[in-house]
Amino acid sequence: WANGYNKHYGLFYVDFDTQKRYVKK
């Protein structure tokens, strides 16, 4: 809401340009 796209929380990384998912450790 207040941080846009630079604050990552997910178990899965999202490339917001391609929407491709990548696994995090």
PDBML (XML) file of the C-alpha atoms, coordinates in Angstrom:
<?xml version="1.0" encoding="UTF-8" ?>
<PDBx:datablock datablockName="MODEL"
   xmlns:PDBx="http://pdbml.pdb.org/schema/pdbx-v50.xsd"
   xmlns:xsi="http://www.w3.org/2001/XMLSchema-instance"
   xsi:schemaLocation="http://pdbml.pdb.org/schema/pdbx-v50.xsd pdbx-v50.xsd">
   <PDBx:atom_siteCategory>
      <PDBx:atom_site id="1">
         <PDBx:B_iso_or_equiv>0.00</PDBx:B_iso_or_equiv>
         <PDBx:Cartn_x>0.000</PDBx:Cartn_x>
         <PDBx:Cartn_y>0.000</PDBx:Cartn_y>
         <PDBx:Cartn_z>0.000</PDBx:Cartn_z>
         <PDBx:auth_asym_id>A</PDBx:auth_asym_id>
         <PDBx:auth_atom_id>CA</PDBx:auth_atom_id>
         <PDBx:auth_comp_id>TRP</PDBx:auth_comp_id>
         <PDBx:auth_seq_id>1</PDBx:auth_seq_id>
         <PDBx:group_PDB>ATOM</PDBx:group_PDB>
         <PDBx:label_alt_id xsi:nil="true" />
         <PDBx:label_asym_id>A</PDBx:label_asym_id>
         <PDBx:label_atom_id>CA</PDBx:label_atom_id>
         <PDBx:label_comp_id>TRP</PDBx:label_comp_id>
         <PDBx:label_entity_id>1</PDBx:label_entity_id>
         <PDBx:label_seq_id>1</PDBx:label_seq_id>
         <PDBx:occupancy>1.00</PDBx:occupancy>
         <PDBx:pdbx_PDB_model_num>1</PDBx:pdbx_PDB_model_num>
         <PDBx:type_symbol>C</PDBx:type_symbol>
      </PDBx:atom_site>
      <PDBx:atom_site id="2">
         <PDBx:B_iso_or_equiv>0.00</PDBx:B_iso_or_equiv>
         <PDBx:Cartn_x>2.551</PDBx:Cartn_x>
         <PDBx:Cartn_y>2.574</PDBx:Cartn_y>
         <PDBx:Cartn_z>1.095</PDBx:Cartn_z>
         <PDBx:auth_asym_id>A</PDBx:auth_asym_id>
         <PDBx:auth_atom_id>CA</PDBx:auth_atom_id>
         <PDBx:auth_comp_id>ALA</PDBx:auth_comp_id>
         <PDBx:auth_seq_id>2</PDBx:auth_seq_id>
         <PDBx:group_PDB>ATOM</PDBx:group_PDB>
         <PDBx:label_alt_id xsi:nil="true" />
         <PDBx:label_asym_id>A</PDBx:label_asym_id>
         <PDBx:label_atom_id>CA</PDBx:label_atom_id>
         <PDBx:label_comp_id>ALA</PDBx:label_comp_id>
         <PDBx:label_entity_id>1</PDBx:label_entity_id>
         <PDBx:label_seq_id>2</PDBx:label_seq_id>
         <PDBx:occupancy>1.00</PDBx:occupancy>
         <PDBx:pdbx_PDB_model_num>1</PDBx:pdbx_PDB_model_num>
         <PDBx:type_symbol>C</PDBx:type_symbol>
      </PDBx:atom_site>
      <PDBx:atom_site id="3">
         <PDBx:B_iso_or_equiv>0.00</PDBx:B_iso_or_equiv>
         <PDBx:Cartn_x>5.779</PDBx:Cartn_x>
         <PDBx:Cartn_y>1.025</PDBx:Cartn_y>
         <PDBx:Cartn_z>-0.203</PDBx:Cartn_z>
         <PDBx:auth_asym_id>A</PDBx:auth_asym_id>
         <PDBx:auth_atom_id>CA</PDBx:auth_atom_id>
         <PDBx:auth_comp_id>ASN</PDBx:auth_comp_id>
         <PDBx:auth_seq_id>3</PDBx:auth_seq_id>
         <PDBx:group_PDB>ATOM</PDBx:group_PDB>
         <PDBx:label_alt_id xsi:nil="true" />
         <PDBx:label_asym_id>A</PDBx:label_asym_id>
         <PDBx:label_atom_id>CA</PDBx:label_atom_id>
         <PDBx:label_comp_id>ASN</PDBx:label_comp_id>
         <PDBx:label_entity_id>1</PDBx:label_entity_id>
         <PDBx:label_seq_id>3</PDBx:label_seq_id>
         <PDBx:occupancy>1.00</PDBx:occupancy>
         <PDBx:pdbx_PDB_model_num>1</PDBx:pdbx_PDB_model_num>
         <PDBx:type_symbol>C</PDBx:type_symbol>
      </PDBx:atom_site>
      <PDBx:atom_site id="4">
         <PDBx:B_iso_or_equiv>0.00</PDBx:B_iso_or_equiv>
         <PDBx:Cartn_x>4.981</PDBx:Cartn_x>
         <PDBx:Cartn_y>-0.013</PDBx:Cartn_y>
         <PDBx:Cartn_z>-3.751</PDBx:Cartn_z>
         <PDBx:auth_asym_id>A</PDBx:auth_asym_id>
         <PDBx:auth_atom_id>CA</PDBx:auth_atom_id>
         <PDBx:auth_comp_id>GLY</PDBx:auth_comp_id>
         <PDBx:auth_seq_id>4</PDBx:auth_seq_id>
         <PDBx:group_PDB>ATOM</PDBx:group_PDB>
         <PDBx:label_alt_id xsi:nil="true" />
         <PDBx:label_asym_id>A</PDBx:label_asym_id>
         <PDBx:label_atom_id>CA</PDBx:label_atom_id>
         <PDBx:label_comp_id>GLY</PDBx:label_comp_id>
         <PDBx:label_entity_id>1</PDBx:label_entity_id>
         <PDBx:label_seq_id>4</PDBx:label_seq_id>
         <PDBx:occupancy>1.00</PDBx:occupancy>
         <PDBx:pdbx_PDB_model_num>1</PDBx:pdbx_PDB_model_num>
         <PDBx:type_symbol>C</PDBx:type_symbol>
      </PDBx:atom_site>
      <PDBx:atom_site id="5">
         <PDBx:B_iso_or_equiv>0.00</PDBx:B_iso_or_equiv>
         <PDBx:Cartn_x>7.084</PDBx:Cartn_x>
         <PDBx:Cartn_y>-2.868</PDBx:Cartn_y>
         <PDBx:Cartn_z>-5.072</PDBx:Cartn_z>
         <PDBx:auth_asym_id>A</PDBx:auth_asym_id>
         <PDBx:auth_atom_id>CA</PDBx:auth_atom_id>
         <PDBx:auth_comp_id>TYR</PDBx:auth_comp_id>
         <PDBx:auth_seq_id>5</PDBx:auth_seq_id>
         <PDBx:group_PDB>ATOM</PDBx:group_PDB>
         <PDBx:label_alt_id xsi:nil="true" />
         <PDBx:label_asym_id>A</PDBx:label_asym_id>
         <PDBx:label_atom_id>CA</PDBx:label_atom_id>
         <PDBx:label_comp_id>TYR</PDBx:label_comp_id>
         <PDBx:label_entity_id>1</PDBx:label_entity_id>
         <PDBx:label_seq_id>5</PDBx:label_seq_id>
         <PDBx:occupancy>1.00</PDBx:occupancy>
         <PDBx:pdbx_PDB_model_num>1</PDBx:pdbx_PDB_model_num>
         <PDBx:type_symbol>C</PDBx:type_symbol>
      </PDBx:atom_site>
      <PDBx:atom_site id="6">
         <PDBx:B_iso_or_equiv>0.00</PDBx:B_iso_or_equiv>
         <PDBx:Cartn_x>10.414</PDBx:Cartn_x>
         <PDBx:Cartn_y>-2.506</PDBx:Cartn_y>
         <PDBx:Cartn_z>-3.268</PDBx:Cartn_z>
         <PDBx:auth_asym_id>A</PDBx:auth_asym_id>
         <PDBx:auth_atom_id>CA</PDBx:auth_atom_id>
         <PDBx:auth_comp_id>ASN</PDBx:auth_comp_id>
         <PDBx:auth_seq_id>6</PDBx:auth_seq_id>
         <PDBx:group_PDB>ATOM</PDBx:group_PDB>
         <PDBx:label_alt_id xsi:nil="true" />
         <PDBx:label_asym_id>A</PDBx:label_asym_id>
         <PDBx:label_atom_id>CA</PDBx:label_atom_id>
         <PDBx:label_comp_id>ASN</PDBx:label_comp_id>
         <PDBx:label_entity_id>1</PDBx:label_entity_id>
         <PDBx:label_seq_id>6</PDBx:label_seq_id>
         <PDBx:occupancy>1.00</PDBx:occupancy>
         <PDBx:pdbx_PDB_model_num>1</PDBx:pdbx_PDB_model_num>
         <PDBx:type_symbol>C</PDBx:type_symbol>
      </PDBx:atom_site>
      <PDBx:atom_site id="7">
         <PDBx:B_iso_or_equiv>0.00</PDBx:B_iso_or_equiv>
         <PDBx:Cartn_x>9.424</PDBx:Cartn_x>
         <PDBx:Cartn_y>-4.288</PDBx:Cartn_y>
         <PDBx:Cartn_z>-0.061</PDBx:Cartn_z>
         <PDBx:auth_asym_id>A</PDBx:auth_asym_id>
         <PDBx:auth_atom_id>CA</PDBx:auth_atom_id>
         <PDBx:auth_comp_id>LYS</PDBx:auth_comp_id>
         <PDBx:auth_seq_id>7</PDBx:auth_seq_id>
         <PDBx:group_PDB>ATOM</PDBx:group_PDB>
         <PDBx:label_alt_id xsi:nil="true" />
         <PDBx:label_asym_id>A</PDBx:label_asym_id>
         <PDBx:label_atom_id>CA</PDBx:label_atom_id>
         <PDBx:label_comp_id>LYS</PDBx:label_comp_id>
         <PDBx:label_entity_id>1</PDBx:label_entity_id>
         <PDBx:label_seq_id>7</PDBx:label_seq_id>
         <PDBx:occupancy>1.00</PDBx:occupancy>
         <PDBx:pdbx_PDB_model_num>1</PDBx:pdbx_PDB_model_num>
         <PDBx:type_symbol>C</PDBx:type_symbol>
      </PDBx:atom_site>
      <PDBx:atom_site id="8">
         <PDBx:B_iso_or_equiv>0.00</PDBx:B_iso_or_equiv>
         <PDBx:Cartn_x>9.521</PDBx:Cartn_x>
         <PDBx:Cartn_y>-8.059</PDBx:Cartn_y>
         <PDBx:Cartn_z>-0.553</PDBx:Cartn_z>
         <PDBx:auth_asym_id>A</PDBx:auth_asym_id>
         <PDBx:auth_atom_id>CA</PDBx:auth_atom_id>
         <PDBx:auth_comp_id>HIS</PDBx:auth_comp_id>
         <PDBx:auth_seq_id>8</PDBx:auth_seq_id>
         <PDBx:group_PDB>ATOM</PDBx:group_PDB>
         <PDBx:label_alt_id xsi:nil="true" />
         <PDBx:label_asym_id>A</PDBx:label_asym_id>
         <PDBx:label_atom_id>CA</PDBx:label_atom_id>
         <PDBx:label_comp_id>HIS</PDBx:label_comp_id>
         <PDBx:label_entity_id>1</PDBx:label_entity_id>
         <PDBx:label_seq_id>8</PDBx:label_seq_id>
         <PDBx:occupancy>1.00</PDBx:occupancy>
         <PDBx:pdbx_PDB_model_num>1</PDBx:pdbx_PDB_model_num>
         <PDBx:type_symbol>C</PDBx:type_symbol>
      </PDBx:atom_site>
      <PDBx:atom_site id="9">
         <PDBx:B_iso_or_equiv>0.00</PDBx:B_iso_or_equiv>
         <PDBx:Cartn_x>7.788</PDBx:Cartn_x>
         <PDBx:Cartn_y>-10.438</PDBx:Cartn_y>
         <PDBx:Cartn_z>1.861</PDBx:Cartn_z>
         <PDBx:auth_asym_id>A</PDBx:auth_asym_id>
         <PDBx:auth_atom_id>CA</PDBx:auth_atom_id>
         <PDBx:auth_comp_id>TYR</PDBx:auth_comp_id>
         <PDBx:auth_seq_id>9</PDBx:auth_seq_id>
         <PDBx:group_PDB>ATOM</PDBx:group_PDB>
         <PDBx:label_alt_id xsi:nil="true" />
         <PDBx:label_asym_id>A</PDBx:label_asym_id>
         <PDBx:label_atom_id>CA</PDBx:label_atom_id>
         <PDBx:label_comp_id>TYR</PDBx:label_comp_id>
         <PDBx:label_entity_id>1</PDBx:label_entity_id>
         <PDBx:label_seq_id>9</PDBx:label_seq_id>
         <PDBx:occupancy>1.00</PDBx:occupancy>
         <PDBx:pdbx_PDB_model_num>1</PDBx:pdbx_PDB_model_num>
         <PDBx:type_symbol>C</PDBx:type_symbol>
      </PDBx:atom_site>
      <PDBx:atom_site id="10">
         <PDBx:B_iso_or_equiv>0.00</PDBx:B_iso_or_equiv>
         <PDBx:Cartn_x>7.051</PDBx:Cartn_x>
         <PDBx:Cartn_y>-13.523</PDBx:Cartn_y>
         <PDBx:Cartn_z>-0.216</PDBx:Cartn_z>
         <PDBx:auth_asym_id>A</PDBx:auth_asym_id>
         <PDBx:auth_atom_id>CA</PDBx:auth_atom_id>
         <PDBx:auth_comp_id>GLY</PDBx:auth_comp_id>
         <PDBx:auth_seq_id>10</PDBx:auth_seq_id>
         <PDBx:group_PDB>ATOM</PDBx:group_PDB>
         <PDBx:label_alt_id xsi:nil="true" />
         <PDBx:label_asym_id>A</PDBx:label_asym_id>
         <PDBx:label_atom_id>CA</PDBx:label_atom_id>
         <PDBx:label_comp_id>GLY</PDBx:label_comp_id>
         <PDBx:label_entity_id>1</PDBx:label_entity_id>
         <PDBx:label_seq_id>10</PDBx:label_seq_id>
         <PDBx:occupancy>1.00</PDBx:occupancy>
         <PDBx:pdbx_PDB_model_num>1</PDBx:pdbx_PDB_model_num>
         <PDBx:type_symbol>C</PDBx:type_symbol>
      </PDBx:atom_site>
      <PDBx:atom_site id="11">
         <PDBx:B_iso_or_equiv>0.00</PDBx:B_iso_or_equiv>
         <PDBx:Cartn_x>8.171</PDBx:Cartn_x>
         <PDBx:Cartn_y>-17.123</PDBx:Cartn_y>
         <PDBx:Cartn_z>-0.131</PDBx:Cartn_z>
         <PDBx:auth_asym_id>A</PDBx:auth_asym_id>
         <PDBx:auth_atom_id>CA</PDBx:auth_atom_id>
         <PDBx:auth_comp_id>LEU</PDBx:auth_comp_id>
         <PDBx:auth_seq_id>11</PDBx:auth_seq_id>
         <PDBx:group_PDB>ATOM</PDBx:group_PDB>
         <PDBx:label_alt_id xsi:nil="true" />
         <PDBx:label_asym_id>A</PDBx:label_asym_id>
         <PDBx:label_atom_id>CA</PDBx:label_atom_id>
         <PDBx:label_comp_id>LEU</PDBx:label_comp_id>
         <PDBx:label_entity_id>1</PDBx:label_entity_id>
         <PDBx:label_seq_id>11</PDBx:label_seq_id>
         <PDBx:occupancy>1.00</PDBx:occupancy>
         <PDBx:pdbx_PDB_model_num>1</PDBx:pdbx_PDB_model_num>
         <PDBx:type_symbol>C</PDBx:type_symbol>
      </PDBx:atom_site>
      <PDBx:atom_site id="12">
         <PDBx:B_iso_or_equiv>0.00</PDBx:B_iso_or_equiv>
         <PDBx:Cartn_x>8.162</PDBx:Cartn_x>
         <PDBx:Cartn_y>-16.781</PDBx:Cartn_y>
         <PDBx:Cartn_z>-3.912</PDBx:Cartn_z>
         <PDBx:auth_asym_id>A</PDBx:auth_asym_id>
         <PDBx:auth_atom_id>CA</PDBx:auth_atom_id>
         <PDBx:auth_comp_id>PHE</PDBx:auth_comp_id>
         <PDBx:auth_seq_id>12</PDBx:auth_seq_id>
         <PDBx:group_PDB>ATOM</PDBx:group_PDB>
         <PDBx:label_alt_id xsi:nil="true" />
         <PDBx:label_asym_id>A</PDBx:label_asym_id>
         <PDBx:label_atom_id>CA</PDBx:label_atom_id>
         <PDBx:label_comp_id>PHE</PDBx:label_comp_id>
         <PDBx:label_entity_id>1</PDBx:label_entity_id>
         <PDBx:label_seq_id>12</PDBx:label_seq_id>
         <PDBx:occupancy>1.00</PDBx:occupancy>
         <PDBx:pdbx_PDB_model_num>1</PDBx:pdbx_PDB_model_num>
         <PDBx:type_symbol>C</PDBx:type_symbol>
      </PDBx:atom_site>
      <PDBx:atom_site id="13">
         <PDBx:B_iso_or_equiv>0.00</PDBx:B_iso_or_equiv>
         <PDBx:Cartn_x>9.906</PDBx:Cartn_x>
         <PDBx:Cartn_y>-13.971</PDBx:Cartn_y>
         <PDBx:Cartn_z>-5.734</PDBx:Cartn_z>
         <PDBx:auth_asym_id>A</PDBx:auth_asym_id>
         <PDBx:auth_atom_id>CA</PDBx:auth_atom_id>
         <PDBx:auth_comp_id>TYR</PDBx:auth_comp_id>
         <PDBx:auth_seq_id>13</PDBx:auth_seq_id>
         <PDBx:group_PDB>ATOM</PDBx:group_PDB>
         <PDBx:label_alt_id xsi:nil="true" />
         <PDBx:label_asym_id>A</PDBx:label_asym_id>
         <PDBx:label_atom_id>CA</PDBx:label_atom_id>
         <PDBx:label_comp_id>TYR</PDBx:label_comp_id>
         <PDBx:label_entity_id>1</PDBx:label_entity_id>
         <PDBx:label_seq_id>13</PDBx:label_seq_id>
         <PDBx:occupancy>1.00</PDBx:occupancy>
         <PDBx:pdbx_PDB_model_num>1</PDBx:pdbx_PDB_model_num>
         <PDBx:type_symbol>C</PDBx:type_symbol>
      </PDBx:atom_site>
      <PDBx:atom_site id="14">
         <PDBx:B_iso_or_equiv>0.00</PDBx:B_iso_or_equiv>
         <PDBx:Cartn_x>7.864</PDBx:Cartn_x>
         <PDBx:Cartn_y>-12.181</PDBx:Cartn_y>
         <PDBx:Cartn_z>-8.384</PDBx:Cartn_z>
         <PDBx:auth_asym_id>A</PDBx:auth_asym_id>
         <PDBx:auth_atom_id>CA</PDBx:auth_atom_id>
         <PDBx:auth_comp_id>VAL</PDBx:auth_comp_id>
         <PDBx:auth_seq_id>14</PDBx:auth_seq_id>
         <PDBx:group_PDB>ATOM</PDBx:group_PDB>
         <PDBx:label_alt_id xsi:nil="true" />
         <PDBx:label_asym_id>A</PDBx:label_asym_id>
         <PDBx:label_atom_id>CA</PDBx:label_atom_id>
         <PDBx:label_comp_id>VAL</PDBx:label_comp_id>
         <PDBx:label_entity_id>1</PDBx:label_entity_id>
         <PDBx:label_seq_id>14</PDBx:label_seq_id>
         <PDBx:occupancy>1.00</PDBx:occupancy>
         <PDBx:pdbx_PDB_model_num>1</PDBx:pdbx_PDB_model_num>
         <PDBx:type_symbol>C</PDBx:type_symbol>
      </PDBx:atom_site>
      <PDBx:atom_site id="15">
         <PDBx:B_iso_or_equiv>0.00</PDBx:B_iso_or_equiv>
         <PDBx:Cartn_x>9.508</PDBx:Cartn_x>
         <PDBx:Cartn_y>-10.443</PDBx:Cartn_y>
         <PDBx:Cartn_z>-11.329</PDBx:Cartn_z>
         <PDBx:auth_asym_id>A</PDBx:auth_asym_id>
         <PDBx:auth_atom_id>CA</PDBx:auth_atom_id>
         <PDBx:auth_comp_id>ASP</PDBx:auth_comp_id>
         <PDBx:auth_seq_id>15</PDBx:auth_seq_id>
         <PDBx:group_PDB>ATOM</PDBx:group_PDB>
         <PDBx:label_alt_id xsi:nil="true" />
         <PDBx:label_asym_id>A</PDBx:label_asym_id>
         <PDBx:label_atom_id>CA</PDBx:label_atom_id>
         <PDBx:label_comp_id>ASP</PDBx:label_comp_id>
         <PDBx:label_entity_id>1</PDBx:label_entity_id>
         <PDBx:label_seq_id>15</PDBx:label_seq_id>
         <PDBx:occupancy>1.00</PDBx:occupancy>
         <PDBx:pdbx_PDB_model_num>1</PDBx:pdbx_PDB_model_num>
         <PDBx:type_symbol>C</PDBx:type_symbol>
      </PDBx:atom_site>
      <PDBx:atom_site id="16">
         <PDBx:B_iso_or_equiv>0.00</PDBx:B_iso_or_equiv>
         <PDBx:Cartn_x>6.852</PDBx:Cartn_x>
         <PDBx:Cartn_y>-7.749</PDBx:Cartn_y>
         <PDBx:Cartn_z>-11.668</PDBx:Cartn_z>
         <PDBx:auth_asym_id>A</PDBx:auth_asym_id>
         <PDBx:auth_atom_id>CA</PDBx:auth_atom_id>
         <PDBx:auth_comp_id>PHE</PDBx:auth_comp_id>
         <PDBx:auth_seq_id>16</PDBx:auth_seq_id>
         <PDBx:group_PDB>ATOM</PDBx:group_PDB>
         <PDBx:label_alt_id xsi:nil="true" />
         <PDBx:label_asym_id>A</PDBx:label_asym_id>
         <PDBx:label_atom_id>CA</PDBx:label_atom_id>
         <PDBx:label_comp_id>PHE</PDBx:label_comp_id>
         <PDBx:label_entity_id>1</PDBx:label_entity_id>
         <PDBx:label_seq_id>16</PDBx:label_seq_id>
         <PDBx:occupancy>1.00</PDBx:occupancy>
         <PDBx:pdbx_PDB_model_num>1</PDBx:pdbx_PDB_model_num>
         <PDBx:type_symbol>C</PDBx:type_symbol>
      </PDBx:atom_site>
      <PDBx:atom_site id="17">
         <PDBx:B_iso_or_equiv>0.00</PDBx:B_iso_or_equiv>
         <PDBx:Cartn_x>7.835</PDBx:Cartn_x>
         <PDBx:Cartn_y>-7.028</PDBx:Cartn_y>
         <PDBx:Cartn_z>-15.286</PDBx:Cartn_z>
         <PDBx:auth_asym_id>A</PDBx:auth_asym_id>
         <PDBx:auth_atom_id>CA</PDBx:auth_atom_id>
         <PDBx:auth_comp_id>ASP</PDBx:auth_comp_id>
         <PDBx:auth_seq_id>17</PDBx:auth_seq_id>
         <PDBx:group_PDB>ATOM</PDBx:group_PDB>
         <PDBx:label_alt_id xsi:nil="true" />
         <PDBx:label_asym_id>A</PDBx:label_asym_id>
         <PDBx:label_atom_id>CA</PDBx:label_atom_id>
         <PDBx:label_comp_id>ASP</PDBx:label_comp_id>
         <PDBx:label_entity_id>1</PDBx:label_entity_id>
         <PDBx:label_seq_id>17</PDBx:label_seq_id>
         <PDBx:occupancy>1.00</PDBx:occupancy>
         <PDBx:pdbx_PDB_model_num>1</PDBx:pdbx_PDB_model_num>
         <PDBx:type_symbol>C</PDBx:type_symbol>
      </PDBx:atom_site>
      <PDBx:atom_site id="18">
         <PDBx:B_iso_or_equiv>0.00</PDBx:B_iso_or_equiv>
         <PDBx:Cartn_x>7.364</PDBx:Cartn_x>
         <PDBx:Cartn_y>-10.604</PDBx:Cartn_y>
         <PDBx:Cartn_z>-16.483</PDBx:Cartn_z>
         <PDBx:auth_asym_id>A</PDBx:auth_asym_id>
         <PDBx:auth_atom_id>CA</PDBx:auth_atom_id>
         <PDBx:auth_comp_id>THR</PDBx:auth_comp_id>
         <PDBx:auth_seq_id>18</PDBx:auth_seq_id>
         <PDBx:group_PDB>ATOM</PDBx:group_PDB>
         <PDBx:label_alt_id xsi:nil="true" />
         <PDBx:label_asym_id>A</PDBx:label_asym_id>
         <PDBx:label_atom_id>CA</PDBx:label_atom_id>
         <PDBx:label_comp_id>THR</PDBx:label_comp_id>
         <PDBx:label_entity_id>1</PDBx:label_entity_id>
         <PDBx:label_seq_id>18</PDBx:label_seq_id>
         <PDBx:occupancy>1.00</PDBx:occupancy>
         <PDBx:pdbx_PDB_model_num>1</PDBx:pdbx_PDB_model_num>
         <PDBx:type_symbol>C</PDBx:type_symbol>
      </PDBx:atom_site>
      <PDBx:atom_site id="19">
         <PDBx:B_iso_or_equiv>0.00</PDBx:B_iso_or_equiv>
         <PDBx:Cartn_x>5.224</PDBx:Cartn_x>
         <PDBx:Cartn_y>-11.963</PDBx:Cartn_y>
         <PDBx:Cartn_z>-13.600</PDBx:Cartn_z>
         <PDBx:auth_asym_id>A</PDBx:auth_asym_id>
         <PDBx:auth_atom_id>CA</PDBx:auth_atom_id>
         <PDBx:auth_comp_id>GLN</PDBx:auth_comp_id>
         <PDBx:auth_seq_id>19</PDBx:auth_seq_id>
         <PDBx:group_PDB>ATOM</PDBx:group_PDB>
         <PDBx:label_alt_id xsi:nil="true" />
         <PDBx:label_asym_id>A</PDBx:label_asym_id>
         <PDBx:label_atom_id>CA</PDBx:label_atom_id>
         <PDBx:label_comp_id>GLN</PDBx:label_comp_id>
         <PDBx:label_entity_id>1</PDBx:label_entity_id>
         <PDBx:label_seq_id>19</PDBx:label_seq_id>
         <PDBx:occupancy>1.00</PDBx:occupancy>
         <PDBx:pdbx_PDB_model_num>1</PDBx:pdbx_PDB_model_num>
         <PDBx:type_symbol>C</PDBx:type_symbol>
      </PDBx:atom_site>
      <PDBx:atom_site id="20">
         <PDBx:B_iso_or_equiv>0.00</PDBx:B_iso_or_equiv>
         <PDBx:Cartn_x>7.472</PDBx:Cartn_x>
         <PDBx:Cartn_y>-14.995</PDBx:Cartn_y>
         <PDBx:Cartn_z>-13.473</PDBx:Cartn_z>
         <PDBx:auth_asym_id>A</PDBx:auth_asym_id>
         <PDBx:auth_atom_id>CA</PDBx:auth_atom_id>
         <PDBx:auth_comp_id>LYS</PDBx:auth_comp_id>
         <PDBx:auth_seq_id>20</PDBx:auth_seq_id>
         <PDBx:group_PDB>ATOM</PDBx:group_PDB>
         <PDBx:label_alt_id xsi:nil="true" />
         <PDBx:label_asym_id>A</PDBx:label_asym_id>
         <PDBx:label_atom_id>CA</PDBx:label_atom_id>
         <PDBx:label_comp_id>LYS</PDBx:label_comp_id>
         <PDBx:label_entity_id>1</PDBx:label_entity_id>
         <PDBx:label_seq_id>20</PDBx:label_seq_id>
         <PDBx:occupancy>1.00</PDBx:occupancy>
         <PDBx:pdbx_PDB_model_num>1</PDBx:pdbx_PDB_model_num>
         <PDBx:type_symbol>C</PDBx:type_symbol>
      </PDBx:atom_site>
      <PDBx:atom_site id="21">
         <PDBx:B_iso_or_equiv>0.00</PDBx:B_iso_or_equiv>
         <PDBx:Cartn_x>7.728</PDBx:Cartn_x>
         <PDBx:Cartn_y>-16.715</PDBx:Cartn_y>
         <PDBx:Cartn_z>-10.079</PDBx:Cartn_z>
         <PDBx:auth_asym_id>A</PDBx:auth_asym_id>
         <PDBx:auth_atom_id>CA</PDBx:auth_atom_id>
         <PDBx:auth_comp_id>ARG</PDBx:auth_comp_id>
         <PDBx:auth_seq_id>21</PDBx:auth_seq_id>
         <PDBx:group_PDB>ATOM</PDBx:group_PDB>
         <PDBx:label_alt_id xsi:nil="true" />
         <PDBx:label_asym_id>A</PDBx:label_asym_id>
         <PDBx:label_atom_id>CA</PDBx:label_atom_id>
         <PDBx:label_comp_id>ARG</PDBx:label_comp_id>
         <PDBx:label_entity_id>1</PDBx:label_entity_id>
         <PDBx:label_seq_id>21</PDBx:label_seq_id>
         <PDBx:occupancy>1.00</PDBx:occupancy>
         <PDBx:pdbx_PDB_model_num>1</PDBx:pdbx_PDB_model_num>
         <PDBx:type_symbol>C</PDBx:type_symbol>
      </PDBx:atom_site>
      <PDBx:atom_site id="22">
         <PDBx:B_iso_or_equiv>0.00</PDBx:B_iso_or_equiv>
         <PDBx:Cartn_x>11.021</PDBx:Cartn_x>
         <PDBx:Cartn_y>-17.850</PDBx:Cartn_y>
         <PDBx:Cartn_z>-8.560</PDBx:Cartn_z>
         <PDBx:auth_asym_id>A</PDBx:auth_asym_id>
         <PDBx:auth_atom_id>CA</PDBx:auth_atom_id>
         <PDBx:auth_comp_id>TYR</PDBx:auth_comp_id>
         <PDBx:auth_seq_id>22</PDBx:auth_seq_id>
         <PDBx:group_PDB>ATOM</PDBx:group_PDB>
         <PDBx:label_alt_id xsi:nil="true" />
         <PDBx:label_asym_id>A</PDBx:label_asym_id>
         <PDBx:label_atom_id>CA</PDBx:label_atom_id>
         <PDBx:label_comp_id>TYR</PDBx:label_comp_id>
         <PDBx:label_entity_id>1</PDBx:label_entity_id>
         <PDBx:label_seq_id>22</PDBx:label_seq_id>
         <PDBx:occupancy>1.00</PDBx:occupancy>
         <PDBx:pdbx_PDB_model_num>1</PDBx:pdbx_PDB_model_num>
         <PDBx:type_symbol>C</PDBx:type_symbol>
      </PDBx:atom_site>
      <PDBx:atom_site id="23">
         <PDBx:B_iso_or_equiv>0.00</PDBx:B_iso_or_equiv>
         <PDBx:Cartn_x>11.583</PDBx:Cartn_x>
         <PDBx:Cartn_y>-19.971</PDBx:Cartn_y>
         <PDBx:Cartn_z>-5.478</PDBx:Cartn_z>
         <PDBx:auth_asym_id>A</PDBx:auth_asym_id>
         <PDBx:auth_atom_id>CA</PDBx:auth_atom_id>
         <PDBx:auth_comp_id>VAL</PDBx:auth_comp_id>
         <PDBx:auth_seq_id>23</PDBx:auth_seq_id>
         <PDBx:group_PDB>ATOM</PDBx:group_PDB>
         <PDBx:label_alt_id xsi:nil="true" />
         <PDBx:label_asym_id>A</PDBx:label_asym_id>
         <PDBx:label_atom_id>CA</PDBx:label_atom_id>
         <PDBx:label_comp_id>VAL</PDBx:label_comp_id>
         <PDBx:label_entity_id>1</PDBx:label_entity_id>
         <PDBx:label_seq_id>23</PDBx:label_seq_id>
         <PDBx:occupancy>1.00</PDBx:occupancy>
         <PDBx:pdbx_PDB_model_num>1</PDBx:pdbx_PDB_model_num>
         <PDBx:type_symbol>C</PDBx:type_symbol>
      </PDBx:atom_site>
      <PDBx:atom_site id="24">
         <PDBx:B_iso_or_equiv>0.00</PDBx:B_iso_or_equiv>
         <PDBx:Cartn_x>13.300</PDBx:Cartn_x>
         <PDBx:Cartn_y>-18.474</PDBx:Cartn_y>
         <PDBx:Cartn_z>-2.453</PDBx:Cartn_z>
         <PDBx:auth_asym_id>A</PDBx:auth_asym_id>
         <PDBx:auth_atom_id>CA</PDBx:auth_atom_id>
         <PDBx:auth_comp_id>LYS</PDBx:auth_comp_id>
         <PDBx:auth_seq_id>24</PDBx:auth_seq_id>
         <PDBx:group_PDB>ATOM</PDBx:group_PDB>
         <PDBx:label_alt_id xsi:nil="true" />
         <PDBx:label_asym_id>A</PDBx:label_asym_id>
         <PDBx:label_atom_id>CA</PDBx:label_atom_id>
         <PDBx:label_comp_id>LYS</PDBx:label_comp_id>
         <PDBx:label_entity_id>1</PDBx:label_entity_id>
         <PDBx:label_seq_id>24</PDBx:label_seq_id>
         <PDBx:occupancy>1.00</PDBx:occupancy>
         <PDBx:pdbx_PDB_model_num>1</PDBx:pdbx_PDB_model_num>
         <PDBx:type_symbol>C</PDBx:type_symbol>
      </PDBx:atom_site>
      <PDBx:atom_site id="25">
         <PDBx:B_iso_or_equiv>0.00</PDBx:B_iso_or_equiv>
         <PDBx:Cartn_x>15.268</PDBx:Cartn_x>
         <PDBx:Cartn_y>-20.468</PDBx:Cartn_y>
         <PDBx:Cartn_z>0.073</PDBx:Cartn_z>
         <PDBx:auth_asym_id>A</PDBx:auth_asym_id>
         <PDBx:auth_atom_id>CA</PDBx:auth_atom_id>
         <PDBx:auth_comp_id>LYS</PDBx:auth_comp_id>
         <PDBx:auth_seq_id>25</PDBx:auth_seq_id>
         <PDBx:group_PDB>ATOM</PDBx:group_PDB>
         <PDBx:label_alt_id xsi:nil="true" />
         <PDBx:label_asym_id>A</PDBx:label_asym_id>
         <PDBx:label_atom_id>CA</PDBx:label_atom_id>
         <PDBx:label_comp_id>LYS</PDBx:label_comp_id>
         <PDBx:label_entity_id>1</PDBx:label_entity_id>
         <PDBx:label_seq_id>25</PDBx:label_seq_id>
         <PDBx:occupancy>1.00</PDBx:occupancy>
         <PDBx:pdbx_PDB_model_num>1</PDBx:pdbx_PDB_model_num>
         <PDBx:type_symbol>C</PDBx:type_symbol>
      </PDBx:atom_site>
   </PDBx:atom_siteCategory>
</PDBx:datablock>
